[in-house]
């Protein structure tokens, strides 16, 4: 997975994170907007004395606004190349630390040390449920008792449209010729040769979300529809 994510830093970084072209100024501003609209409403109280962690922090688009309200922020990412960018872009923030993930862990983060854990546009690209659950298990390990989380993911409860006809993405994907899929990836700004499983990732069956999280000591209190076709946010806390 690391090779896939290293492959689209620099020129493709914005497309990789946002999915479209924009200036760097717009890129950073989008982080402020997303934080205000989709994250801030779910933050715990007294954040100035608490620690937040983001799984898949990338160049730090959401770490920066997190650092504006939390006492300490930990950004974790699998890509060493992207972390180099983040280190440079966030150098002015003394309350931010960056940690490299091994691909299915939060190695380097102490147990019971995090008050709030979040992840956006990341779980949907994890290749298997096994990897997703490994991160959920690690999330429970690093979160303090009663700590809260906000994790975005994709489920099978969603539709895409082909010629105006709604169809389930997973049902139609095997029917699309490889050449058309490559064209689609180019149109979306993706690298055609990117590993299929890493980019498309694993979709979690909607009815299984709460049981899967619960198995790892994470109680989902709310499932919030997050726009698009199949994106949802699990909001909850440790049990």
C-alpha atoms as a PDB file:
ATOM      1  CA  UNK A   1       0.000   0.000   0.000  1.00  0.00           C
ATOM      2  CA  UNK A   2       2.793   2.442   0.794  1.00  0.00           C
ATOM      3  CA  UNK A   3       4.142   2.299  -2.765  1.00  0.00           C
ATOM      4  CA  UNK A   4       0.703   3.194  -4.131  1.00  0.00           C
ATOM      5  CA  UNK A   5       0.350   6.207  -1.862  1.00  0.00           C
ATOM      6  CA  UNK A   6       3.934   7.362  -2.350  1.00  0.00           C
ATOM      7  CA  UNK A   7       3.222   7.354  -6.083  1.00  0.00           C
ATOM      8  CA  UNK A   8       0.830  10.262  -5.993  1.00  0.00           C
ATOM      9  CA  UNK A   9       2.466  12.879  -3.810  1.00  0.00           C
ATOM     10  CA  UNK A  10       3.684  16.174  -5.313  1.00  0.00           C
ATOM     11  CA  UNK A  11       1.855  16.782  -8.623  1.00  0.00           C
ATOM     12  CA  UNK A  12      -0.988  14.366  -7.890  1.00  0.00           C
ATOM     13  CA  UNK A  13      -1.306  15.099  -4.177  1.00  0.00           C
ATOM     14  CA  UNK A  14      -4.333  17.370  -4.485  1.00  0.00           C
ATOM     15  CA  UNK A  15      -6.140  14.996  -6.840  1.00  0.00           C
ATOM     16  CA  UNK A  16      -5.346  12.061  -4.595  1.00  0.00           C
ATOM     17  CA  UNK A  17      -6.849  13.737  -1.534  1.00  0.00           C
ATOM     18  CA  UNK A  18      -9.665  15.787  -3.055  1.00  0.00           C
ATOM     19  CA  UNK A  19     -10.313  14.007  -6.336  1.00  0.00           C
ATOM     20  CA  UNK A  20      -9.991  17.093  -8.545  1.00  0.00           C
ATOM     21  CA  UNK A  21      -7.631  19.863  -9.573  1.00  0.00           C
ATOM     22  CA  UNK A  22      -7.367  22.966  -7.408  1.00  0.00           C
ATOM     23  CA  UNK A  23      -4.717  25.422  -6.346  1.00  0.00           C
ATOM     24  CA  UNK A  24      -2.746  24.784  -3.174  1.00  0.00           C
ATOM     25  CA  UNK A  25      -4.484  27.748  -1.576  1.00  0.00           C
ATOM     26  CA  UNK A  26      -7.865  26.180  -2.371  1.00  0.00           C
ATOM     27  CA  UNK A  27      -6.567  22.828  -1.148  1.00  0.00           C
ATOM     28  CA  UNK A  28      -5.724  24.137   2.316  1.00  0.00           C
ATOM     29  CA  UNK A  29      -8.912  26.194   2.470  1.00  0.00           C
ATOM     30  CA  UNK A  30     -10.936  23.048   1.708  1.00  0.00           C
ATOM     31  CA  UNK A  31      -9.497  21.524   4.869  1.00  0.00           C
ATOM     32  CA  UNK A  32     -10.776  24.433   6.953  1.00  0.00           C
ATOM     33  CA  UNK A  33     -14.214  24.119   5.364  1.00  0.00           C
ATOM     34  CA  UNK A  34     -14.403  20.354   5.872  1.00  0.00           C
ATOM     35  CA  UNK A  35     -13.282  20.710   9.472  1.00  0.00           C
ATOM     36  CA  UNK A  36     -15.901  23.366  10.204  1.00  0.00           C
ATOM     37  CA  UNK A  37     -18.805  21.573   8.537  1.00  0.00           C
ATOM     38  CA  UNK A  38     -18.119  17.863   9.067  1.00  0.00           C
ATOM     39  CA  UNK A  39     -15.807  17.509  12.057  1.00  0.00           C
ATOM     40  CA  UNK A  40     -16.224  20.417  14.489  1.00  0.00           C
ATOM     41  CA  UNK A  41     -19.851  19.508  15.380  1.00  0.00           C
ATOM     42  CA  UNK A  42     -18.648  16.194  16.843  1.00  0.00           C
ATOM     43  CA  UNK A  43     -15.617  17.343  18.828  1.00  0.00           C
ATOM     44  CA  UNK A  44     -15.407  16.675  22.578  1.00  0.00           C
ATOM     45  CA  UNK A  45     -15.315  19.538  25.054  1.00  0.00           C
ATOM     46  CA  UNK A  46     -12.168  21.156  26.484  1.00  0.00           C
ATOM     47  CA  UNK A  47     -10.161  20.320  23.367  1.00  0.00           C
ATOM     48  CA  UNK A  48      -7.376  22.703  24.332  1.00  0.00           C
ATOM     49  CA  UNK A  49      -6.122  20.198  26.910  1.00  0.00           C
ATOM     50  CA  UNK A  50      -6.773  17.086  24.833  1.00  0.00           C
ATOM     51  CA  UNK A  51      -4.991  15.048  22.169  1.00  0.00           C
ATOM     52  CA  UNK A  52      -6.363  14.305  18.697  1.00  0.00           C
ATOM     53  CA  UNK A  53      -5.102  11.772  16.162  1.00  0.00           C
ATOM     54  CA  UNK A  54      -5.802  11.529  12.432  1.00  0.00           C
ATOM     55  CA  UNK A  55      -5.346   8.227  10.588  1.00  0.00           C
ATOM     56  CA  UNK A  56      -4.206   8.997   7.044  1.00  0.00           C
ATOM     57  CA  UNK A  57      -3.244  12.618   7.638  1.00  0.00           C
ATOM     58  CA  UNK A  58      -1.650  13.063   4.210  1.00  0.00           C
ATOM     59  CA  UNK A  59       0.052  16.460   3.826  1.00  0.00           C
ATOM     60  CA  UNK A  60      -1.847  17.798   6.844  1.00  0.00           C
ATOM     61  CA  UNK A  61      -4.928  19.388   5.298  1.00  0.00           C
ATOM     62  CA  UNK A  62      -7.048  18.519   8.364  1.00  0.00           C
ATOM     63  CA  UNK A  63      -4.212  18.398  10.888  1.00  0.00           C
ATOM     64  CA  UNK A  64      -3.807  22.170  10.636  1.00  0.00           C
ATOM     65  CA  UNK A  65      -7.357  23.055  11.762  1.00  0.00           C
ATOM     66  CA  UNK A  66      -7.202  20.289  14.385  1.00  0.00           C
ATOM     67  CA  UNK A  67      -4.055  21.888  15.785  1.00  0.00           C
ATOM     68  CA  UNK A  68      -5.945  25.144  16.145  1.00  0.00           C
ATOM     69  CA  UNK A  69      -8.291  23.693  18.756  1.00  0.00           C
ATOM     70  CA  UNK A  70      -6.509  20.695  20.332  1.00  0.00           C
ATOM     71  CA  UNK A  71      -3.605  20.846  22.746  1.00  0.00           C
ATOM     72  CA  UNK A  72      -1.748  18.087  20.869  1.00  0.00           C
ATOM     73  CA  UNK A  73      -2.326  16.539  17.438  1.00  0.00           C
ATOM     74  CA  UNK A  74      -0.810  13.342  16.031  1.00  0.00           C
ATOM     75  CA  UNK A  75      -0.871  12.799  12.277  1.00  0.00           C
ATOM     76  CA  UNK A  76      -0.380   9.222  11.060  1.00  0.00           C
ATOM     77  CA  UNK A  77       0.188   8.189   7.449  1.00  0.00           C
ATOM     78  CA  UNK A  78       1.523   5.170   5.560  1.00  0.00           C
ATOM     79  CA  UNK A  79       3.363   7.264   2.954  1.00  0.00           C
ATOM     80  CA  UNK A  80       6.847   8.441   3.893  1.00  0.00           C
ATOM     81  CA  UNK A  81       6.831  10.814   0.910  1.00  0.00           C
ATOM     82  CA  UNK A  82       3.601  12.500   1.970  1.00  0.00           C
ATOM     83  CA  UNK A  83       4.843  12.800   5.561  1.00  0.00           C
ATOM     84  CA  UNK A  84       7.854  14.730   4.255  1.00  0.00           C
ATOM     85  CA  UNK A  85       5.427  17.210   2.698  1.00  0.00           C
ATOM     86  CA  UNK A  86       3.417  17.381   5.928  1.00  0.00           C
ATOM     87  CA  UNK A  87       6.541  18.003   7.996  1.00  0.00           C
ATOM     88  CA  UNK A  88       7.389  20.982   5.816  1.00  0.00           C
ATOM     89  CA  UNK A  89       3.846  22.374   5.615  1.00  0.00           C
ATOM     90  CA  UNK A  90       3.175  22.029   9.362  1.00  0.00           C
ATOM     91  CA  UNK A  91       6.589  23.154  10.614  1.00  0.00           C
ATOM     92  CA  UNK A  92       5.037  26.229  12.250  1.00  0.00           C
ATOM     93  CA  UNK A  93       2.829  24.116  14.540  1.00  0.00           C
ATOM     94  CA  UNK A  94       4.713  23.025  17.690  1.00  0.00           C
ATOM     95  CA  UNK A  95       1.765  20.968  18.968  1.00  0.00           C
ATOM     96  CA  UNK A  96       1.823  18.590  15.966  1.00  0.00           C
ATOM     97  CA  UNK A  97       3.747  15.315  15.736  1.00  0.00           C
ATOM     98  CA  UNK A  98       3.854  13.017  12.700  1.00  0.00           C
ATOM     99  CA  UNK A  99       4.066   9.224  12.811  1.00  0.00           C
ATOM    100  CA  UNK A 100       4.561   6.719   9.984  1.00  0.00           C
ATOM    101  CA  UNK A 101       2.198   3.755   9.963  1.00  0.00           C
ATOM    102  CA  UNK A 102       3.358   0.274   9.096  1.00  0.00           C
ATOM    103  CA  UNK A 103       0.261  -0.302   6.971  1.00  0.00           C
ATOM    104  CA  UNK A 104      -2.146  -1.719   9.557  1.00  0.00           C
ATOM    105  CA  UNK A 105      -1.068  -0.192  12.848  1.00  0.00           C
ATOM    106  CA  UNK A 106      -0.547   2.975  14.869  1.00  0.00           C
ATOM    107  CA  UNK A 107       2.962   2.002  15.889  1.00  0.00           C
ATOM    108  CA  UNK A 108       4.654   4.712  17.901  1.00  0.00           C
ATOM    109  CA  UNK A 109       1.435   5.988  19.511  1.00  0.00           C
ATOM    110  CA  UNK A 110       1.063   5.156  23.191  1.00  0.00           C
ATOM    111  CA  UNK A 111      -1.922   3.172  24.433  1.00  0.00           C
ATOM    112  CA  UNK A 112      -4.711   5.168  26.132  1.00  0.00           C
ATOM    113  CA  UNK A 113      -3.165   8.471  25.042  1.00  0.00           C
ATOM    114  CA  UNK A 114      -5.715   9.902  22.577  1.00  0.00           C
ATOM    115  CA  UNK A 115      -8.973  11.713  23.385  1.00  0.00           C
ATOM    116  CA  UNK A 116     -10.312  12.062  19.826  1.00  0.00           C
ATOM    117  CA  UNK A 117      -9.488   9.946  16.760  1.00  0.00           C
ATOM    118  CA  UNK A 118     -10.628  10.694  13.222  1.00  0.00           C
ATOM    119  CA  UNK A 119     -10.098   9.503   9.665  1.00  0.00           C
ATOM    120  CA  UNK A 120     -11.489  10.859   6.387  1.00  0.00           C
ATOM    121  CA  UNK A 121     -11.093   9.480   2.838  1.00  0.00           C
ATOM    122  CA  UNK A 122      -8.825   6.692   4.104  1.00  0.00           C
ATOM    123  CA  UNK A 123     -10.753   3.589   5.224  1.00  0.00           C
ATOM    124  CA  UNK A 124     -12.428   3.461   1.812  1.00  0.00           C
ATOM    125  CA  UNK A 125      -9.006   2.840   0.226  1.00  0.00           C
ATOM    126  CA  UNK A 126      -7.868   0.096   2.589  1.00  0.00           C
ATOM    127  CA  UNK A 127      -7.660  -3.072   0.475  1.00  0.00           C
ATOM    128  CA  UNK A 128      -9.342  -5.574   2.808  1.00  0.00           C
ATOM    129  CA  UNK A 129     -11.614  -5.750   5.823  1.00  0.00           C
ATOM    130  CA  UNK A 130      -8.715  -7.344   7.682  1.00  0.00           C
ATOM    131  CA  UNK A 131      -6.669  -4.150   7.308  1.00  0.00           C
ATOM    132  CA  UNK A 132      -9.651  -1.991   8.256  1.00  0.00           C
ATOM    133  CA  UNK A 133     -10.258  -4.049  11.385  1.00  0.00           C
ATOM    134  CA  UNK A 134      -6.570  -3.927  12.292  1.00  0.00           C
ATOM    135  CA  UNK A 135      -6.815  -0.133  12.340  1.00  0.00           C
ATOM    136  CA  UNK A 136     -10.050  -0.257  14.352  1.00  0.00           C
ATOM    137  CA  UNK A 137      -8.314  -2.468  16.892  1.00  0.00           C
ATOM    138  CA  UNK A 138      -5.426  -0.011  17.036  1.00  0.00           C
ATOM    139  CA  UNK A 139      -7.873   2.875  17.382  1.00  0.00           C
ATOM    140  CA  UNK A 140      -9.307   1.252  20.502  1.00  0.00           C
ATOM    141  CA  UNK A 141      -5.808   0.680  21.847  1.00  0.00           C
ATOM    142  CA  UNK A 142      -4.689   4.305  21.583  1.00  0.00           C
ATOM    143  CA  UNK A 143      -7.995   5.893  22.632  1.00  0.00           C
ATOM    144  CA  UNK A 144      -8.528   6.680  26.288  1.00  0.00           C
ATOM    145  CA  UNK A 145     -11.528   5.105  28.056  1.00  0.00           C
ATOM    146  CA  UNK A 146     -14.522   7.113  26.872  1.00  0.00           C
ATOM    147  CA  UNK A 147     -12.501   8.599  24.017  1.00  0.00           C
ATOM    148  CA  UNK A 148     -14.455   9.566  20.907  1.00  0.00           C
ATOM    149  CA  UNK A 149     -13.959   8.818  17.227  1.00  0.00           C
ATOM    150  CA  UNK A 150     -15.132  10.030  13.830  1.00  0.00           C
ATOM    151  CA  UNK A 151     -14.364   7.615  10.987  1.00  0.00           C
ATOM    152  CA  UNK A 152     -15.536   8.012   7.400  1.00  0.00           C
ATOM    153  CA  UNK A 153     -15.922   4.899   5.264  1.00  0.00           C
ATOM    154  CA  UNK A 154     -17.832   3.532   2.290  1.00  0.00           C
ATOM    155  CA  UNK A 155     -20.580   0.949   2.463  1.00  0.00           C
ATOM    156  CA  UNK A 156     -22.631  -1.115   0.040  1.00  0.00           C
ATOM    157  CA  UNK A 157     -25.604   1.068   0.937  1.00  0.00           C
ATOM    158  CA  UNK A 158     -25.242   3.428  -1.974  1.00  0.00           C
ATOM    159  CA  UNK A 159     -25.754   3.662  -5.692  1.00  0.00           C
ATOM    160  CA  UNK A 160     -23.940   4.933  -8.747  1.00  0.00           C
ATOM    161  CA  UNK A 161     -25.646   5.822 -12.024  1.00  0.00           C
ATOM    162  CA  UNK A 162     -24.851   4.456 -15.457  1.00  0.00           C
ATOM    163  CA  UNK A 163     -26.845   6.060 -18.286  1.00  0.00           C
ATOM    164  CA  UNK A 164     -29.191   7.383 -15.606  1.00  0.00           C
ATOM    165  CA  UNK A 165     -29.867   3.940 -14.168  1.00  0.00           C
ATOM    166  CA  UNK A 166     -28.991   3.440 -10.445  1.00  0.00           C
ATOM    167  CA  UNK A 167     -26.782   0.405  -9.805  1.00  0.00           C
ATOM    168  CA  UNK A 168     -24.653  -0.800  -6.911  1.00  0.00           C
ATOM    169  CA  UNK A 169     -20.938   0.011  -7.544  1.00  0.00           C
ATOM    170  CA  UNK A 170     -19.726  -3.408  -6.402  1.00  0.00           C
ATOM    171  CA  UNK A 171     -22.188  -5.185  -8.693  1.00  0.00           C
ATOM    172  CA  UNK A 172     -21.120  -3.355 -11.829  1.00  0.00           C
ATOM    173  CA  UNK A 173     -17.370  -3.064 -11.277  1.00  0.00           C
ATOM    174  CA  UNK A 174     -16.494  -6.620 -12.463  1.00  0.00           C
ATOM    175  CA  UNK A 175     -18.430  -5.953 -15.688  1.00  0.00           C
ATOM    176  CA  UNK A 176     -16.371  -2.906 -16.677  1.00  0.00           C
ATOM    177  CA  UNK A 177     -13.509  -3.703 -19.105  1.00  0.00           C
ATOM    178  CA  UNK A 178     -10.059  -2.843 -17.818  1.00  0.00           C
ATOM    179  CA  UNK A 179      -9.508  -0.261 -20.553  1.00  0.00           C
ATOM    180  CA  UNK A 180     -12.674   1.618 -19.585  1.00  0.00           C
ATOM    181  CA  UNK A 181     -11.725   1.476 -15.913  1.00  0.00           C
ATOM    182  CA  UNK A 182      -8.338   2.978 -16.774  1.00  0.00           C
ATOM    183  CA  UNK A 183     -10.073   5.747 -18.744  1.00  0.00           C
ATOM    184  CA  UNK A 184     -12.362   6.389 -15.779  1.00  0.00           C
ATOM    185  CA  UNK A 185      -9.359   6.610 -13.453  1.00  0.00           C
ATOM    186  CA  UNK A 186      -7.674   9.114 -15.781  1.00  0.00           C
ATOM    187  CA  UNK A 187     -10.833  11.227 -15.884  1.00  0.00           C
ATOM    188  CA  UNK A 188     -10.904  11.188 -12.082  1.00  0.00           C
ATOM    189  CA  UNK A 189      -7.233  12.148 -11.938  1.00  0.00           C
ATOM    190  CA  UNK A 190      -6.070   8.717 -10.719  1.00  0.00           C
ATOM    191  CA  UNK A 191      -3.018   6.801 -11.850  1.00  0.00           C
ATOM    192  CA  UNK A 192      -4.277   4.035 -14.205  1.00  0.00           C
ATOM    193  CA  UNK A 193      -1.648   1.598 -12.977  1.00  0.00           C
ATOM    194  CA  UNK A 194      -2.463   2.058  -9.300  1.00  0.00           C
ATOM    195  CA  UNK A 195      -3.116  -1.166  -7.439  1.00  0.00           C
ATOM    196  CA  UNK A 196      -6.822  -1.878  -7.811  1.00  0.00           C
ATOM    197  CA  UNK A 197      -7.415  -3.094  -4.270  1.00  0.00           C
ATOM    198  CA  UNK A 198      -5.608  -0.161  -2.671  1.00  0.00           C
ATOM    199  CA  UNK A 199      -7.510   2.476  -4.599  1.00  0.00           C
ATOM    200  CA  UNK A 200     -11.012   0.975  -4.600  1.00  0.00           C
ATOM    201  CA  UNK A 201     -10.624  -0.564  -1.172  1.00  0.00           C
ATOM    202  CA  UNK A 202     -13.096  -2.653   0.767  1.00  0.00           C
ATOM    203  CA  UNK A 203     -16.721  -1.622   1.183  1.00  0.00           C
ATOM    204  CA  UNK A 204     -18.285  -2.509   4.526  1.00  0.00           C
ATOM    205  CA  UNK A 205     -21.794  -3.920   4.404  1.00  0.00           C
ATOM    206  CA  UNK A 206     -24.000  -1.266   5.998  1.00  0.00           C
ATOM    207  CA  UNK A 207     -25.700  -3.696   8.372  1.00  0.00           C
ATOM    208  CA  UNK A 208     -22.289  -4.877   9.594  1.00  0.00           C
ATOM    209  CA  UNK A 209     -20.809  -1.492  10.506  1.00  0.00           C
ATOM    210  CA  UNK A 210     -21.893  -1.407  14.156  1.00  0.00           C
ATOM    211  CA  UNK A 211     -21.027  -5.084  14.833  1.00  0.00           C
ATOM    212  CA  UNK A 212     -17.581  -4.722  13.242  1.00  0.00           C
ATOM    213  CA  UNK A 213     -16.753  -1.579  15.200  1.00  0.00           C
ATOM    214  CA  UNK A 214     -18.232  -3.081  18.359  1.00  0.00           C
ATOM    215  CA  UNK A 215     -16.049  -6.166  18.061  1.00  0.00           C
ATOM    216  CA  UNK A 216     -13.083  -3.867  18.616  1.00  0.00           C
ATOM    217  CA  UNK A 217     -14.522  -1.964  21.567  1.00  0.00           C
ATOM    218  CA  UNK A 218     -15.823   0.985  19.541  1.00  0.00           C
ATOM    219  CA  UNK A 219     -19.483   1.860  20.059  1.00  0.00           C
ATOM    220  CA  UNK A 220     -21.046   3.561  17.036  1.00  0.00           C
ATOM    221  CA  UNK A 221     -23.592   6.018  18.411  1.00  0.00           C
ATOM    222  CA  UNK A 222     -24.529   7.581  15.078  1.00  0.00           C
ATOM    223  CA  UNK A 223     -24.148   6.798  11.389  1.00  0.00           C
ATOM    224  CA  UNK A 224     -24.130  10.053   9.450  1.00  0.00           C
ATOM    225  CA  UNK A 225     -24.625  10.157   5.672  1.00  0.00           C
ATOM    226  CA  UNK A 226     -21.689  12.073   4.216  1.00  0.00           C
ATOM    227  CA  UNK A 227     -22.825  12.781   0.670  1.00  0.00           C
ATOM    228  CA  UNK A 228     -21.608  11.243  -2.530  1.00  0.00           C
ATOM    229  CA  UNK A 229     -22.889   7.771  -3.277  1.00  0.00           C
ATOM    230  CA  UNK A 230     -21.718   5.487  -0.483  1.00  0.00           C
ATOM    231  CA  UNK A 231     -19.891   7.619   2.105  1.00  0.00           C
ATOM    232  CA  UNK A 232     -20.888   7.497   5.761  1.00  0.00           C
ATOM    233  CA  UNK A 233     -19.341   8.667   9.034  1.00  0.00           C
ATOM    234  CA  UNK A 234     -19.325   6.514  12.156  1.00  0.00           C
ATOM    235  CA  UNK A 235     -19.529   8.685  15.273  1.00  0.00           C
ATOM    236  CA  UNK A 236     -19.011   7.150  18.683  1.00  0.00           C
ATOM    237  CA  UNK A 237     -16.741   6.400  21.608  1.00  0.00           C
ATOM    238  CA  UNK A 238     -14.880   3.564  23.262  1.00  0.00           C
ATOM    239  CA  UNK A 239     -16.783   1.070  25.382  1.00  0.00           C
END
